[in-house]
Amino acid sequence: GPEMQDLIKKGLVVDQRVVQVGVKRIQLYRASVQHNTSALLLRPLAPSHAQPGLRYLNQLAQPAKAMVAVNGGFFNRVRQLPLGAVRLDNKWLSGPILNRGAIGWDRNGPLIFGRLQLIQDMTVAGRRRWPLGMLNSGYVQRGLSRYTRAWGPTYRALSGEEQALTLKEGRVDAVYDQSALVRGVPLPLKGDLIVARGGIALPAQVGDAVTIKIRSSNPLGERPQVIGGGPLLLQKGRVVLNGRQEGFSPGFLAVSAPRTVVAQDKERIWLLTAKGANGSDPTLLETSLALRQLELTDALNLDGGGSTTMLIANTTVMTGRGITPRVQNGLGF
């Protein structure tokens, strides 16, 4: 349409091409904008009011007025919860997990690529420090995790053995047992819910003073926009694929599947989807080698397989498995 033509005049590039890696032919659908363009900005596409739940990519793209969109990071399809970093306008909608690959940026680039952890801890009444493992995450493990109102109006138990406390204005305001958490407890508008899982005792009681400190393992986590996926594929023109370091299983790393990637070169930011041009889909290594052939310098794998989707001017141009999936978050221009 005319809007698309206008954006192409302003530097949006949309194309399709086939790249040969060994015996495999890989079909790529690509869209890009120049770094620091004002016509189009890269944005995480995520529901800002509540994280649980999946949506079609166009339902995420339309409110953000995204002309180009791809699916984003990983999520739990059964529970419909995010599994990795999503930061929108300085607010962590979902925290990073497992030191996985992520990008961070300010307005429009260049993007910072790296592996990311959040280091959070809480100090109770000036006495003891406790690590907080996760922030607003569907990734469930033993220990303490933190949830804020960005998660939604209500928190419901994600495991069979939980207790929790709410913090308001630096003090423990209330404590909740498993049955209350199963029913669902309200998340304070300003404050935190600290959930203890796996038989861990709550570290504080009602009235205790609590401070929370948070910092990023990598400067990319300080940027206003962050999206996580993994594994990291390219950095500074080199293949840096190390899935084990990012907590991916050997099976995940060996599989051939459709792919979604965010990448950059010296001039441009790229959103790409890839699948086999004649049947056999690319592995992560083959994807990395294809991207290097295209002279991209940095690249991050996002959720692939059945989640892979690319939308241009509200038209789906590619899906990983031929049916339009629902996803937790996305990335768009």
Protein backbone atom coordinates (compact mmCIF):
# COMPACT_ATOMS: atom_id res chain seq x y z
CA GLY A 1 0.00 0.00 0.00
CA PRO A 2 0.95 3.71 -0.09
CA GLU A 3 2.20 3.66 3.52
CA MET A 4 4.59 0.82 2.66
CA GLN A 5 5.79 2.61 -0.51
CA ASP A 6 6.47 5.71 1.59
CA LEU A 7 8.55 3.70 4.09
CA ILE A 8 10.52 2.03 1.28
CA LYS A 9 11.34 5.54 0.01
CA LYS A 10 12.55 6.32 3.54
CA GLY A 11 14.89 3.31 3.53
CA LEU A 12 12.89 0.24 4.56
CA VAL A 13 14.23 -2.79 2.67
CA VAL A 14 12.12 -5.93 2.28
CA ASP A 15 13.40 -8.90 0.29
CA GLN A 16 13.57 -12.67 -0.13
CA ARG A 17 16.61 -14.66 -1.07
CA VAL A 18 18.04 -18.16 -1.12
CA VAL A 19 21.47 -18.83 0.42
CA GLN A 20 23.37 -22.08 -0.06
CA VAL A 21 25.14 -23.56 2.98
CA GLY A 22 26.85 -26.83 2.07
CA VAL A 23 24.19 -28.90 0.31
CA LYS A 24 21.35 -27.03 2.00
CA ARG A 25 19.40 -24.24 0.34
CA ILE A 26 17.97 -21.81 2.89
CA GLN A 27 15.17 -19.40 2.03
CA LEU A 28 15.35 -16.10 3.90
CA TYR A 29 12.65 -13.46 4.29
CA ARG A 30 14.24 -10.19 5.38
CA ALA A 31 13.33 -6.67 6.40
CA SER A 32 15.69 -3.93 7.49
CA VAL A 33 16.00 -0.30 8.47
CA GLN A 34 19.07 1.90 8.80
CA HIS A 35 20.55 2.51 12.25
CA ASN A 36 19.21 5.72 13.78
CA THR A 37 16.44 6.15 11.23
CA SER A 38 13.50 8.26 12.38
CA ALA A 39 10.98 6.72 9.97
CA LEU A 40 10.85 3.35 11.73
CA LEU A 41 12.01 2.30 15.19
CA LEU A 42 12.70 -1.21 16.43
CA ARG A 43 10.28 -2.07 19.28
CA PRO A 44 9.54 -5.09 21.44
CA LEU A 45 5.93 -6.14 20.77
CA ALA A 46 4.48 -7.24 24.08
CA PRO A 47 1.32 -6.82 26.10
CA SER A 48 2.21 -4.17 28.69
CA HIS A 49 -0.70 -4.87 31.07
CA ALA A 50 -0.38 -8.64 31.68
CA GLN A 51 2.21 -11.22 30.60
CA PRO A 52 0.26 -14.54 30.81
CA GLY A 53 -1.53 -15.41 27.57
CA LEU A 54 -0.66 -15.86 23.89
CA ARG A 55 -1.72 -13.74 20.93
CA TYR A 56 -1.42 -13.80 17.16
CA LEU A 57 1.46 -11.65 15.95
CA ASN A 58 -0.92 -9.16 14.27
CA GLN A 59 -2.63 -8.64 17.66
CA LEU A 60 0.77 -7.59 19.07
CA ALA A 61 1.83 -5.61 15.98
CA GLN A 62 -1.30 -3.48 15.46
CA PRO A 63 -1.35 -1.61 18.81
CA ALA A 64 2.34 -0.73 18.27
CA LYS A 65 1.68 0.34 14.64
CA ALA A 66 4.38 -2.10 13.48
CA MET A 67 4.70 -2.28 9.68
CA VAL A 68 7.05 -5.27 9.90
CA ALA A 69 6.95 -7.83 12.71
CA VAL A 70 8.48 -11.16 13.66
CA ASN A 71 7.82 -13.40 16.65
CA GLY A 72 10.13 -12.85 19.61
CA GLY A 73 11.54 -14.83 22.53
CA PHE A 74 10.71 -18.20 24.04
CA PHE A 75 7.62 -19.01 26.08
CA ASN A 76 5.86 -21.93 27.71
CA ARG A 77 3.10 -22.88 25.25
CA VAL A 78 1.04 -24.83 27.81
CA ARG A 79 1.13 -22.21 30.56
CA GLN A 80 1.34 -19.32 28.08
CA LEU A 81 4.10 -17.56 30.03
CA PRO A 82 7.31 -15.82 28.87
CA LEU A 83 10.69 -17.58 29.26
CA GLY A 84 13.27 -14.85 28.77
CA ALA A 85 14.01 -11.16 28.65
CA VAL A 86 11.44 -8.59 27.52
CA ARG A 87 12.04 -4.99 28.55
CA LEU A 88 9.79 -2.27 27.14
CA ASP A 89 10.47 1.42 27.81
CA ASN A 90 12.67 0.68 30.86
CA LYS A 91 10.19 -1.79 32.40
CA TRP A 92 11.04 -5.47 32.80
CA LEU A 93 7.90 -7.28 31.59
CA SER A 94 9.88 -10.53 31.85
CA GLY A 95 13.41 -11.03 33.14
CA PRO A 96 16.26 -12.93 31.45
CA ILE A 97 16.97 -16.60 32.20
CA LEU A 98 20.02 -18.90 32.05
CA ASN A 99 22.49 -16.24 30.82
CA ARG A 100 20.93 -16.51 27.36
CA GLY A 101 21.53 -14.28 24.36
CA ALA A 102 19.73 -10.94 24.22
CA ILE A 103 19.81 -7.55 22.53
CA GLY A 104 19.45 -4.15 24.15
CA TRP A 105 18.97 -0.82 22.42
CA ASP A 106 18.06 2.80 22.75
CA ARG A 107 15.83 4.38 20.09
CA ASN A 108 17.24 2.64 17.07
CA GLY A 109 20.68 1.23 17.26
CA PRO A 110 23.17 0.05 16.83
CA LEU A 111 21.95 -2.85 18.94
CA ILE A 112 24.09 -4.34 21.73
CA PHE A 113 24.32 -8.14 21.48
CA GLY A 114 25.44 -10.33 24.38
CA ARG A 115 24.43 -12.81 27.05
CA LEU A 116 22.39 -11.44 29.94
CA GLN A 117 21.60 -12.15 33.58
CA LEU A 118 19.89 -9.95 36.15
CA ILE A 119 21.53 -10.02 39.55
CA GLN A 120 18.81 -9.23 42.11
CA ASP A 121 18.89 -9.55 45.85
CA MET A 122 16.82 -8.48 48.82
CA THR A 123 18.16 -7.41 52.20
CA VAL A 124 15.87 -7.95 55.18
CA ALA A 125 15.97 -5.36 58.00
CA GLY A 126 19.62 -4.63 57.22
CA ARG A 127 20.56 -8.18 58.23
CA ARG A 128 20.73 -10.86 55.62
CA ARG A 129 20.91 -10.78 51.82
CA TRP A 130 18.89 -13.23 49.76
CA PRO A 131 19.32 -13.80 46.02
CA LEU A 132 16.19 -13.41 43.89
CA GLY A 133 16.48 -15.83 40.98
CA MET A 134 13.95 -14.57 38.46
CA LEU A 135 11.89 -11.49 37.65
CA ASN A 136 8.38 -11.76 36.13
CA SER A 137 9.20 -15.18 34.72
CA GLY A 138 7.41 -18.36 33.71
CA TYR A 139 10.72 -20.16 34.35
CA VAL A 140 10.10 -21.97 37.63
CA GLN A 141 12.87 -23.17 39.93
CA ARG A 142 13.57 -23.66 43.64
CA GLY A 143 14.34 -20.44 45.53
CA LEU A 144 12.97 -16.91 45.58
CA SER A 145 11.48 -15.14 42.58
CA ARG A 146 10.13 -11.63 42.18
CA TYR A 147 6.97 -10.41 40.42
CA THR A 148 5.82 -6.83 39.81
CA ARG A 149 2.60 -5.32 38.46
CA ALA A 150 4.10 -5.67 34.94
CA TRP A 151 3.21 -9.38 35.30
CA GLY A 152 -0.47 -8.41 35.51
CA PRO A 153 -3.04 -7.59 38.18
CA THR A 154 -2.90 -11.10 39.71
CA TYR A 155 -0.27 -13.73 40.44
CA ARG A 156 -1.32 -17.40 40.50
CA ALA A 157 0.88 -20.23 41.78
CA LEU A 158 3.14 -21.77 39.12
CA SER A 159 4.28 -24.75 41.20
CA GLY A 160 2.97 -27.07 43.89
CA GLU A 161 4.86 -25.67 46.85
CA GLU A 162 4.79 -21.88 47.17
CA GLN A 163 4.47 -19.15 49.75
CA ALA A 164 4.78 -15.45 49.09
CA LEU A 165 4.97 -12.00 50.61
CA THR A 166 4.12 -8.58 49.22
CA LEU A 167 6.32 -5.53 49.69
CA LYS A 168 4.92 -2.02 49.73
CA GLU A 169 7.01 1.09 50.45
CA GLY A 170 9.96 -1.02 51.53
CA ARG A 171 8.09 -3.16 54.07
CA VAL A 172 6.49 -6.58 54.11
CA ASP A 173 2.78 -5.85 53.80
CA ALA A 174 1.23 -9.35 53.73
CA VAL A 175 2.11 -13.04 53.49
CA TYR A 176 0.26 -15.71 51.49
CA ASP A 177 0.10 -19.49 51.72
CA GLN A 178 -0.20 -22.01 48.89
CA SER A 179 -4.00 -22.05 48.86
CA ALA A 180 -4.18 -18.24 48.52
CA LEU A 181 -1.62 -18.36 45.71
CA VAL A 182 -3.56 -21.07 43.87
CA ARG A 183 -6.67 -18.86 44.00
CA GLY A 184 -4.59 -15.85 42.93
CA VAL A 185 -3.25 -12.85 44.87
CA PRO A 186 -3.21 -9.20 43.74
CA LEU A 187 0.07 -7.68 42.61
CA PRO A 188 0.60 -4.26 44.19
CA LEU A 189 0.52 -1.28 41.82
CA LYS A 190 3.76 -0.07 43.37
CA GLY A 191 5.64 -2.84 45.11
CA ASP A 192 6.66 -6.46 44.71
CA LEU A 193 5.56 -10.01 45.30
CA ILE A 194 8.35 -12.34 46.44
CA VAL A 195 7.52 -16.03 45.83
CA ALA A 196 9.36 -18.81 47.68
CA ARG A 197 9.33 -22.18 45.87
CA GLY A 198 10.50 -25.71 46.58
CA GLY A 199 10.18 -25.63 50.37
CA ILE A 200 12.24 -22.44 50.84
CA ALA A 201 11.13 -20.48 53.92
CA LEU A 202 9.96 -16.89 53.47
CA PRO A 203 12.89 -14.64 54.38
CA ALA A 204 10.85 -11.93 56.14
CA GLN A 205 7.71 -11.29 58.17
CA VAL A 206 4.99 -8.64 58.06
CA GLY A 207 6.44 -5.27 59.07
CA ASP A 208 10.08 -6.12 58.22
CA ALA A 209 12.01 -3.49 56.26
CA VAL A 210 13.26 -4.86 52.92
CA THR A 211 15.44 -3.35 50.19
CA ILE A 212 15.85 -4.81 46.72
CA LYS A 213 18.92 -4.22 44.55
CA ILE A 214 19.07 -5.08 40.88
CA ARG A 215 21.84 -4.88 38.29
CA SER A 216 22.58 -6.32 34.85
CA SER A 217 25.51 -8.63 34.05
CA ASN A 218 25.87 -6.84 30.70
CA PRO A 219 25.36 -3.15 29.77
CA LEU A 220 22.71 -4.24 27.23
CA GLY A 221 20.38 -4.90 30.20
CA GLU A 222 20.46 -1.19 31.14
CA ARG A 223 18.99 -0.15 27.78
CA PRO A 224 15.31 0.90 27.67
CA GLN A 225 14.44 -1.88 25.18
CA VAL A 226 15.62 -5.49 25.57
CA ILE A 227 14.54 -8.75 24.03
CA GLY A 228 16.03 -12.15 24.79
CA GLY A 229 16.18 -15.41 22.89
CA GLY A 230 19.24 -17.50 22.24
CA PRO A 231 21.60 -18.82 21.35
CA LEU A 232 23.71 -15.90 20.24
CA LEU A 233 24.83 -16.71 16.67
CA LEU A 234 27.22 -13.97 15.52
CA GLN A 235 29.22 -11.26 17.25
CA LYS A 236 31.55 -8.87 15.41
CA GLY A 237 31.39 -11.08 12.33
CA ARG A 238 32.36 -14.29 14.15
CA VAL A 239 30.22 -17.36 14.78
CA VAL A 240 29.84 -17.51 18.60
CA LEU A 241 27.24 -20.29 18.79
CA ASN A 242 27.53 -21.97 22.22
CA GLY A 243 24.12 -23.32 23.13
CA ARG A 244 25.27 -25.35 26.12
CA GLN A 245 26.61 -22.19 27.77
CA GLU A 246 23.10 -20.71 27.40
CA GLY A 247 21.34 -23.73 28.92
CA PHE A 248 19.95 -25.27 25.72
CA SER A 249 19.70 -29.05 25.42
CA PRO A 250 21.82 -31.02 22.91
CA GLY A 251 18.57 -32.03 21.16
CA PHE A 252 17.52 -28.39 20.70
CA LEU A 253 20.95 -27.53 19.30
CA ALA A 254 21.01 -30.39 16.78
CA VAL A 255 17.51 -29.96 15.34
CA SER A 256 16.70 -28.56 11.90
CA ALA A 257 13.84 -26.07 12.11
CA PRO A 258 12.48 -22.79 10.74
CA ARG A 259 14.26 -19.84 12.38
CA THR A 260 13.59 -16.26 13.44
CA VAL A 261 16.62 -13.99 13.85
CA VAL A 262 17.38 -10.38 14.72
CA ALA A 263 20.69 -9.16 13.31
CA GLN A 264 22.68 -6.13 12.25
CA ASP A 265 25.52 -5.04 10.03
CA LYS A 266 27.36 -1.72 10.07
CA GLU A 267 24.49 0.08 8.31
CA ARG A 268 21.26 -1.68 9.22
CA ILE A 269 19.11 -3.65 11.64
CA TRP A 270 17.61 -6.82 10.16
CA LEU A 271 14.61 -8.98 11.07
CA LEU A 272 14.84 -12.36 9.33
CA THR A 273 12.95 -15.62 9.10
CA ALA A 274 14.46 -18.70 7.46
CA LYS A 275 13.37 -22.13 6.32
CA GLY A 276 14.56 -24.85 3.97
CA ALA A 277 14.11 -23.83 0.32
CA ASN A 278 13.52 -27.45 -0.70
CA GLY A 279 12.32 -29.26 2.41
CA SER A 280 15.16 -29.52 4.92
CA ASP A 281 15.22 -26.65 7.43
CA PRO A 282 18.46 -25.13 8.76
CA THR A 283 20.28 -26.05 11.96
CA LEU A 284 21.51 -23.22 14.20
CA LEU A 285 25.02 -23.60 12.75
CA GLU A 286 23.73 -23.54 9.17
CA THR A 287 21.67 -20.45 10.05
CA SER A 288 24.80 -18.76 11.46
CA LEU A 289 26.79 -19.56 8.30
CA ALA A 290 23.99 -18.26 6.06
CA LEU A 291 23.88 -14.98 8.02
CA ARG A 292 27.66 -14.63 7.76
CA GLN A 293 27.42 -15.09 3.98
CA LEU A 294 25.06 -12.09 4.00
CA GLU A 295 27.84 -10.14 5.78
CA LEU A 296 25.84 -9.60 8.96
CA THR A 297 28.07 -8.82 11.94
CA ASP A 298 25.82 -9.67 14.91
CA ALA A 299 22.89 -12.06 15.16
CA LEU A 300 20.61 -13.53 17.82
CA ASN A 301 18.37 -16.56 17.39
CA LEU A 302 14.80 -16.02 18.58
CA ASP A 303 12.04 -18.61 19.07
CA GLY A 304 11.77 -20.80 15.95
CA GLY A 305 9.93 -23.85 14.66
CA GLY A 306 6.17 -23.47 14.83
CA SER A 307 6.54 -19.98 16.39
CA THR A 308 8.41 -18.51 13.39
CA THR A 309 6.28 -15.82 11.74
CA MET A 310 6.92 -12.73 9.66
CA LEU A 311 4.29 -10.08 9.07
CA ILE A 312 4.66 -7.25 6.55
CA ALA A 313 1.97 -4.54 6.35
CA ASN A 314 -0.32 -6.82 8.37
CA THR A 315 0.09 -9.70 5.89
CA THR A 316 1.74 -12.94 7.03
CA VAL A 317 4.53 -13.61 4.53
CA MET A 318 6.04 -16.64 6.28
CA THR A 319 5.15 -19.12 9.03
CA GLY A 320 7.39 -21.90 10.26
CA ARG A 321 4.87 -24.72 10.08
CA GLY A 322 2.37 -23.29 7.62
CA ILE A 323 -0.21 -22.37 10.25
CA THR A 324 -0.27 -18.99 11.97
CA PRO A 325 0.86 -19.51 15.58
CA ARG A 326 0.06 -17.61 18.73
CA VAL A 327 3.12 -16.22 20.54
CA GLN A 328 3.90 -14.41 23.76
CA ASN A 329 5.92 -11.49 22.34
CA GLY A 330 7.48 -10.18 19.16
CA LEU A 331 9.77 -7.60 17.61
CA GLY A 332 8.78 -5.03 15.01
CA PHE A 333 9.61 -1.91 13.00
